[in-house]
N, C-alpha and C. Protein backbone atom coordinates (compact mmCIF):
# COMPACT_ATOMS: atom_id res chain seq x y z
N MET A 1 61.15 64.70 -84.73
CA MET A 1 60.43 63.63 -85.30
C MET A 1 60.44 62.67 -84.03
N SER A 2 59.71 61.57 -84.25
CA SER A 2 59.84 60.72 -83.13
C SER A 2 60.48 59.66 -83.51
N LYS A 3 60.88 59.05 -82.14
CA LYS A 3 61.66 58.05 -82.48
C LYS A 3 61.12 56.56 -82.12
N LYS A 4 61.22 55.80 -83.26
CA LYS A 4 60.34 54.42 -83.60
C LYS A 4 61.11 53.00 -83.16
N VAL A 5 60.29 52.44 -82.35
CA VAL A 5 60.97 51.19 -81.61
C VAL A 5 60.28 50.06 -82.22
N LEU A 6 61.18 49.19 -82.65
CA LEU A 6 60.39 47.89 -83.32
C LEU A 6 60.76 46.48 -82.38
N VAL A 7 59.61 45.85 -82.13
CA VAL A 7 59.88 44.40 -81.57
C VAL A 7 59.23 43.44 -82.40
N VAL A 8 60.05 42.26 -82.50
CA VAL A 8 59.57 41.17 -83.33
C VAL A 8 59.33 39.96 -82.63
N GLY A 9 57.98 39.11 -82.65
CA GLY A 9 57.84 38.23 -81.63
C GLY A 9 56.75 37.40 -82.28
N VAL A 10 56.52 36.09 -81.36
CA VAL A 10 55.31 35.67 -81.69
C VAL A 10 54.31 36.23 -80.63
N PHE A 11 54.11 36.22 -79.87
CA PHE A 11 53.09 36.75 -78.81
C PHE A 11 51.99 35.89 -78.64
N ASP A 12 52.21 34.38 -78.51
CA ASP A 12 51.05 33.46 -78.67
C ASP A 12 50.86 33.44 -76.82
N LEU A 13 49.64 33.05 -76.54
CA LEU A 13 49.26 32.94 -75.19
C LEU A 13 49.95 34.26 -74.51
N PHE A 14 49.31 35.13 -74.68
CA PHE A 14 49.59 36.59 -74.19
C PHE A 14 49.57 36.55 -72.74
N HIS A 15 50.45 37.01 -72.21
CA HIS A 15 50.82 36.76 -70.90
C HIS A 15 51.38 37.71 -69.88
N ARG A 16 51.76 37.95 -68.77
CA ARG A 16 52.51 39.28 -68.23
C ARG A 16 53.39 39.55 -68.43
N GLY A 17 54.46 38.44 -68.90
CA GLY A 17 55.50 38.59 -69.39
C GLY A 17 55.52 39.70 -70.47
N HIS A 18 54.92 39.41 -71.53
CA HIS A 18 54.70 39.82 -72.81
C HIS A 18 54.35 41.34 -72.40
N VAL A 19 53.56 41.52 -71.70
CA VAL A 19 53.27 43.04 -71.18
C VAL A 19 54.34 43.71 -70.42
N GLU A 20 54.83 43.29 -69.58
CA GLU A 20 56.30 43.68 -69.14
C GLU A 20 57.12 44.11 -70.08
N PHE A 21 57.28 43.11 -70.92
CA PHE A 21 58.33 43.27 -71.99
C PHE A 21 57.98 44.72 -72.80
N LEU A 22 56.61 44.54 -73.33
CA LEU A 22 56.19 45.74 -74.35
C LEU A 22 56.33 47.07 -73.39
N GLN A 23 56.10 47.00 -72.35
CA GLN A 23 56.20 48.52 -71.42
C GLN A 23 57.28 48.84 -71.44
N LYS A 24 58.67 47.87 -71.23
CA LYS A 24 59.67 48.23 -71.33
C LYS A 24 60.25 48.89 -72.52
N ALA A 25 59.89 48.22 -73.63
CA ALA A 25 60.34 48.68 -74.87
C ALA A 25 59.81 49.68 -75.27
N SER A 26 58.74 50.06 -75.02
CA SER A 26 57.92 51.36 -75.50
C SER A 26 58.67 52.42 -74.72
N GLU A 27 59.42 52.37 -73.80
CA GLU A 27 60.34 53.54 -73.13
C GLU A 27 61.64 53.80 -73.98
N PHE A 28 62.16 52.94 -74.86
CA PHE A 28 63.00 53.37 -76.01
C PHE A 28 62.50 54.49 -76.94
N GLY A 29 61.45 54.81 -76.73
CA GLY A 29 61.24 55.66 -77.87
C GLY A 29 59.77 56.23 -77.91
N ASP A 30 59.16 56.75 -78.96
CA ASP A 30 57.81 57.46 -79.09
C ASP A 30 56.49 56.57 -79.61
N GLU A 31 57.26 55.75 -80.36
CA GLU A 31 56.14 54.93 -81.19
C GLU A 31 56.52 53.24 -81.18
N LEU A 32 55.82 52.34 -80.74
CA LEU A 32 56.22 50.89 -80.47
C LEU A 32 55.42 50.50 -81.62
N ILE A 33 56.44 49.87 -82.66
CA ILE A 33 55.77 49.14 -83.84
C ILE A 33 56.29 47.47 -83.33
N ILE A 34 55.28 46.62 -83.68
CA ILE A 34 55.40 45.38 -83.12
C ILE A 34 55.03 44.51 -84.42
N LEU A 35 56.23 43.53 -85.02
CA LEU A 35 56.01 42.68 -85.96
C LEU A 35 55.85 41.19 -85.28
N ILE A 36 54.78 40.86 -85.90
CA ILE A 36 54.40 39.67 -85.13
C ILE A 36 54.81 38.42 -86.30
N ASN A 37 55.31 37.17 -85.71
CA ASN A 37 55.79 36.27 -86.64
C ASN A 37 54.32 35.57 -87.02
N GLY A 38 54.32 35.29 -88.09
CA GLY A 38 52.90 34.40 -88.70
C GLY A 38 52.69 33.49 -88.29
N ASP A 39 51.53 32.91 -88.57
CA ASP A 39 51.00 31.26 -88.37
C ASP A 39 51.90 30.27 -89.10
N GLU A 40 52.31 30.64 -90.38
CA GLU A 40 52.86 29.52 -91.28
C GLU A 40 54.59 29.62 -90.66
N MET A 41 54.95 30.86 -90.55
CA MET A 41 56.33 31.12 -90.00
C MET A 41 56.43 30.45 -88.83
N THR A 42 55.69 30.68 -87.89
CA THR A 42 56.04 30.16 -86.57
C THR A 42 55.88 28.38 -86.46
N GLU A 43 54.81 28.10 -87.17
CA GLU A 43 54.72 26.56 -87.35
C GLU A 43 55.83 25.93 -87.84
N LYS A 44 56.81 26.49 -88.74
CA LYS A 44 58.00 25.89 -89.60
C LYS A 44 58.99 25.88 -88.24
N TYR A 45 59.10 26.82 -87.69
CA TYR A 45 60.50 26.97 -86.78
C TYR A 45 60.14 26.95 -85.46
N LYS A 46 59.16 26.82 -84.88
CA LYS A 46 58.71 26.79 -83.40
C LYS A 46 57.49 25.47 -83.44
N ARG A 47 56.46 26.12 -83.19
CA ARG A 47 55.29 25.19 -83.19
C ARG A 47 54.27 25.72 -83.72
N ARG A 48 52.68 25.49 -83.93
CA ARG A 48 51.72 25.98 -84.56
C ARG A 48 51.03 26.68 -83.15
N PRO A 49 51.13 28.21 -83.72
CA PRO A 49 50.37 28.95 -82.42
C PRO A 49 48.96 28.79 -81.96
N ILE A 50 48.79 28.56 -80.68
CA ILE A 50 47.44 28.52 -80.31
C ILE A 50 46.41 29.42 -80.27
N TYR A 51 47.06 30.79 -80.68
CA TYR A 51 46.03 32.02 -81.14
C TYR A 51 46.39 32.09 -82.53
N SER A 52 45.69 32.55 -83.42
CA SER A 52 45.84 32.95 -84.83
C SER A 52 46.46 34.16 -84.98
N GLU A 53 47.15 34.29 -86.04
CA GLU A 53 48.01 35.94 -86.25
C GLU A 53 47.04 36.96 -86.40
N ASP A 54 45.93 36.84 -86.50
CA ASP A 54 45.02 37.85 -86.55
C ASP A 54 44.43 38.20 -85.10
N ASP A 55 44.23 36.96 -84.51
CA ASP A 55 43.96 37.20 -82.93
C ASP A 55 45.08 37.73 -81.84
N ARG A 56 46.50 37.30 -82.52
CA ARG A 56 47.56 38.19 -81.77
C ARG A 56 47.54 39.75 -82.02
N ALA A 57 47.26 39.76 -83.35
CA ALA A 57 47.24 41.24 -83.67
C ALA A 57 46.65 42.02 -83.25
N THR A 58 45.12 41.48 -83.03
CA THR A 58 44.21 42.22 -82.40
C THR A 58 44.34 42.57 -80.73
N ILE A 59 44.62 41.58 -79.95
CA ILE A 59 45.36 41.65 -78.75
C ILE A 59 46.08 42.72 -78.70
N LEU A 60 47.40 42.71 -79.18
CA LEU A 60 48.64 43.58 -79.23
C LEU A 60 47.89 45.19 -79.40
N ASN A 61 47.17 45.18 -80.79
CA ASN A 61 46.70 46.61 -81.03
C ASN A 61 45.98 47.12 -79.83
N ALA A 62 45.33 46.24 -79.20
CA ALA A 62 44.39 46.95 -77.91
C ALA A 62 45.24 47.35 -76.82
N LEU A 63 46.76 47.41 -76.94
CA LEU A 63 47.44 47.88 -75.58
C LEU A 63 47.61 49.33 -76.22
N SER A 64 47.62 50.33 -74.82
CA SER A 64 48.07 51.60 -75.35
C SER A 64 49.23 51.98 -75.52
N CYS A 65 50.08 51.34 -75.19
CA CYS A 65 51.81 51.25 -75.52
C CYS A 65 52.16 51.06 -77.22
N VAL A 66 51.39 50.47 -77.60
CA VAL A 66 51.55 50.11 -79.16
C VAL A 66 50.67 50.88 -79.90
N SER A 67 51.48 51.17 -81.20
CA SER A 67 51.20 52.53 -82.05
C SER A 67 50.91 51.58 -83.50
N GLN A 68 51.31 50.46 -83.62
CA GLN A 68 51.35 49.53 -84.73
C GLN A 68 51.52 48.23 -84.59
N VAL A 69 50.76 47.28 -85.49
CA VAL A 69 51.15 46.07 -85.81
C VAL A 69 51.24 45.43 -86.74
N GLU A 70 52.07 44.91 -87.32
CA GLU A 70 52.11 44.12 -88.69
C GLU A 70 52.39 42.79 -88.32
N VAL A 71 52.05 41.81 -89.25
CA VAL A 71 52.16 40.04 -89.33
C VAL A 71 53.27 39.86 -90.48
N THR A 72 54.09 39.03 -90.34
CA THR A 72 54.98 38.68 -91.18
C THR A 72 55.07 37.14 -91.47
N ASN A 73 55.55 36.61 -92.38
CA ASN A 73 56.21 35.13 -92.53
C ASN A 73 57.40 35.34 -93.23
N SER A 74 58.20 36.09 -92.98
CA SER A 74 59.52 36.27 -93.38
C SER A 74 60.51 36.57 -92.07
N PHE A 75 61.50 36.21 -92.02
CA PHE A 75 62.38 36.34 -91.04
C PHE A 75 63.13 37.87 -91.10
N ASP A 76 63.16 38.14 -92.21
CA ASP A 76 63.90 39.16 -93.01
C ASP A 76 63.11 40.25 -92.59
N ILE A 77 63.89 41.35 -91.48
CA ILE A 77 62.76 42.22 -90.98
C ILE A 77 63.19 44.00 -91.94
N LYS A 78 64.47 43.86 -92.58
CA LYS A 78 64.76 44.73 -93.56
C LYS A 78 63.68 45.99 -94.03
N PRO A 79 62.60 45.11 -94.79
CA PRO A 79 61.80 45.80 -95.23
C PRO A 79 60.82 46.89 -94.15
N ILE A 80 60.54 46.20 -92.98
CA ILE A 80 59.79 47.11 -91.86
C ILE A 80 60.72 47.85 -91.43
N ILE A 81 62.08 47.77 -91.03
CA ILE A 81 63.04 48.73 -91.07
C ILE A 81 62.91 49.92 -91.46
N GLU A 82 62.93 49.76 -92.74
CA GLU A 82 62.90 50.84 -93.83
C GLU A 82 61.53 51.66 -94.19
N LYS A 83 60.59 50.55 -94.22
CA LYS A 83 59.18 51.33 -94.11
C LYS A 83 58.86 52.34 -92.84
N TYR A 84 59.21 52.17 -91.67
CA TYR A 84 59.07 52.79 -90.68
C TYR A 84 59.94 53.67 -89.90
N ASN A 85 61.41 53.67 -90.85
CA ASN A 85 62.50 54.14 -90.31
C ASN A 85 62.82 54.09 -88.93
N ILE A 86 62.87 52.68 -88.50
CA ILE A 86 63.04 52.07 -87.19
C ILE A 86 64.50 52.99 -86.74
N ASP A 87 64.28 53.21 -85.37
CA ASP A 87 65.39 53.77 -84.59
C ASP A 87 65.85 52.99 -83.73
N VAL A 88 65.28 51.87 -83.03
CA VAL A 88 65.64 51.09 -82.15
C VAL A 88 64.78 49.68 -82.28
N ILE A 89 65.61 48.52 -82.09
CA ILE A 89 65.02 47.43 -82.08
C ILE A 89 65.33 46.76 -80.76
N VAL A 90 64.25 46.45 -79.74
CA VAL A 90 64.48 45.84 -78.37
C VAL A 90 63.77 44.52 -78.62
N HIS A 91 64.95 43.59 -77.73
CA HIS A 91 64.70 42.04 -77.75
C HIS A 91 64.96 41.73 -76.49
N GLY A 92 64.30 40.50 -75.93
CA GLY A 92 64.71 40.17 -74.37
C GLY A 92 66.21 39.58 -74.64
N ASP A 93 67.04 39.82 -73.39
CA ASP A 93 68.11 39.53 -73.34
C ASP A 93 68.24 37.77 -73.09
N ASP A 94 67.69 37.10 -73.63
CA ASP A 94 67.67 35.46 -73.86
C ASP A 94 68.35 35.37 -75.06
N TRP A 95 68.62 36.13 -75.94
CA TRP A 95 69.39 36.00 -77.25
C TRP A 95 70.75 36.47 -77.07
N GLU A 96 71.72 35.87 -77.68
CA GLU A 96 73.22 36.25 -77.88
C GLU A 96 72.91 37.10 -79.26
N HIS A 97 73.61 38.35 -79.03
CA HIS A 97 73.79 39.32 -80.29
C HIS A 97 73.93 38.71 -81.55
N GLU A 98 74.82 37.92 -81.86
CA GLU A 98 74.99 37.38 -83.26
C GLU A 98 73.82 36.67 -83.85
N SER A 99 73.50 36.09 -82.72
CA SER A 99 72.31 35.10 -83.16
C SER A 99 70.99 35.66 -83.37
N TYR A 100 71.01 36.72 -82.79
CA TYR A 100 69.49 37.49 -82.84
C TYR A 100 69.74 38.19 -84.22
N LEU A 101 71.17 38.84 -84.57
CA LEU A 101 71.11 39.47 -85.71
C LEU A 101 71.04 38.55 -87.31
N ALA A 102 71.14 36.97 -87.19
CA ALA A 102 70.96 36.15 -88.07
C ALA A 102 69.55 35.99 -88.17
N GLN A 103 69.09 35.84 -86.89
CA GLN A 103 67.39 35.07 -86.85
C GLN A 103 66.68 36.68 -87.78
N ILE A 104 67.01 37.74 -87.34
CA ILE A 104 66.12 38.50 -88.07
C ILE A 104 66.99 39.26 -89.56
N ARG A 105 67.82 38.32 -90.07
CA ARG A 105 68.52 38.68 -91.13
C ARG A 105 69.15 40.00 -91.63
N CYS A 106 69.46 40.49 -90.74
CA CYS A 106 70.55 41.89 -90.54
C CYS A 106 71.80 41.53 -90.11
N THR A 107 72.65 42.13 -90.78
CA THR A 107 74.12 42.37 -90.37
C THR A 107 74.22 43.78 -89.30
N GLN A 108 75.12 43.87 -88.65
CA GLN A 108 75.72 44.80 -87.88
C GLN A 108 75.88 46.08 -88.53
N SER A 109 76.48 45.82 -89.62
CA SER A 109 76.68 46.98 -90.70
C SER A 109 75.50 47.15 -91.47
N TYR A 110 74.57 46.78 -91.47
CA TYR A 110 73.21 47.26 -92.22
C TYR A 110 72.50 48.05 -91.13
N LEU A 111 72.33 47.88 -89.61
CA LEU A 111 71.87 48.30 -88.66
C LEU A 111 72.38 49.61 -88.61
N ASP A 112 73.75 49.49 -88.64
CA ASP A 112 74.50 50.87 -88.41
C ASP A 112 74.43 51.83 -89.94
N GLU A 113 74.32 51.33 -91.01
CA GLU A 113 74.02 52.37 -92.03
C GLU A 113 72.38 52.87 -91.80
N GLN A 114 71.48 52.14 -91.35
CA GLN A 114 70.15 52.45 -91.25
C GLN A 114 69.97 53.62 -90.10
N GLY A 115 71.01 53.19 -89.02
CA GLY A 115 71.19 54.35 -87.72
C GLY A 115 70.04 53.49 -86.87
N VAL A 116 70.25 52.47 -86.95
CA VAL A 116 69.33 51.45 -86.03
C VAL A 116 70.15 51.05 -84.83
N SER A 117 69.91 50.84 -83.58
CA SER A 117 70.40 50.53 -82.76
C SER A 117 69.90 49.09 -82.04
N LEU A 118 70.53 48.42 -81.24
CA LEU A 118 69.44 47.12 -80.83
C LEU A 118 69.84 47.32 -79.40
N ALA A 119 68.64 47.16 -78.75
CA ALA A 119 68.38 47.19 -77.36
C ALA A 119 67.93 46.01 -76.74
N TYR A 120 68.32 45.52 -75.67
CA TYR A 120 68.07 44.15 -75.12
C TYR A 120 67.27 44.31 -73.51
N THR A 121 66.36 43.88 -73.15
CA THR A 121 65.77 43.85 -71.96
C THR A 121 66.02 42.31 -71.04
N GLU A 122 65.94 42.63 -70.06
CA GLU A 122 65.97 41.48 -68.96
C GLU A 122 64.87 40.75 -69.40
N TYR A 123 65.23 39.33 -69.79
CA TYR A 123 64.38 38.38 -69.84
C TYR A 123 63.96 37.47 -68.55
N HIS A 124 62.62 37.14 -68.37
CA HIS A 124 62.34 36.58 -67.27
C HIS A 124 61.56 35.28 -67.20
N LYS A 125 62.61 34.18 -67.03
CA LYS A 125 62.02 32.68 -67.38
C LYS A 125 60.93 32.06 -66.56
N SER A 126 60.72 32.84 -65.67
CA SER A 126 59.32 32.52 -64.80
C SER A 126 58.27 32.86 -65.32
N VAL A 127 57.55 33.50 -66.46
CA VAL A 127 56.61 33.56 -67.04
C VAL A 127 56.88 33.36 -68.58
N SER A 128 56.80 32.44 -69.13
CA SER A 128 56.56 32.13 -70.82
C SER A 128 55.83 31.45 -71.31
N THR A 129 55.24 31.50 -72.86
CA THR A 129 54.46 30.78 -73.14
C THR A 129 54.70 29.21 -72.85
N SER A 130 55.93 28.62 -72.99
CA SER A 130 56.24 27.74 -73.21
C SER A 130 56.01 26.97 -71.73
N THR A 131 56.23 27.94 -70.74
CA THR A 131 56.01 27.19 -69.24
C THR A 131 54.27 27.24 -69.17
N LEU A 132 53.50 27.97 -69.94
CA LEU A 132 52.32 28.19 -69.71
C LEU A 132 51.55 26.92 -70.53
N LEU A 133 52.07 26.54 -71.55
CA LEU A 133 51.85 25.29 -72.37
C LEU A 133 52.29 23.91 -71.49
N LYS A 134 53.02 23.85 -70.88
CA LYS A 134 53.45 22.92 -69.82
C LYS A 134 52.54 22.73 -68.72
N GLN A 135 52.13 23.94 -68.57
CA GLN A 135 51.08 23.85 -67.18
C GLN A 135 49.74 23.63 -67.67
N ILE A 136 49.26 23.95 -68.80
CA ILE A 136 48.33 23.39 -69.16
C ILE A 136 47.97 21.79 -69.70
N LYS A 137 49.09 21.24 -69.84
CA LYS A 137 49.23 20.00 -70.45
C LYS A 137 49.15 19.09 -69.34
N GLU A 138 49.71 19.62 -68.29
CA GLU A 138 49.67 19.03 -66.94
C GLU A 138 48.52 18.90 -65.90
N ALA A 139 47.98 19.86 -66.30
CA ALA A 139 46.60 20.24 -65.61
C ALA A 139 45.19 19.01 -65.94
């Protein structure tokens, strides 16, 4: 039985940092499933994405390390965990554990009941969508 990895994010203005993160995340299992935060959701809590959710899904689906891409407009990822029988959720270590659990609307006890572990990879601030947007505005 294959080990399924879930990654959740916006993935706007796709860049090298995203690629490196997804490659690292894929090493935690056999299948990498990406849950993209949809346009409506992202605009409410962050900003309007530059690339549409469909464009972002197309870009991510083109990567060889990616098995499946879905779009959501809900912070609650429990339906995806249960749909795919997720084993590991991977995120950058720029989030504090409890804050991330609150963001994805899960508790540690829920993850334990589902047999899901949380893994964090090193976050590199040097390459980010926010940095790219700032550089574009200054150009």
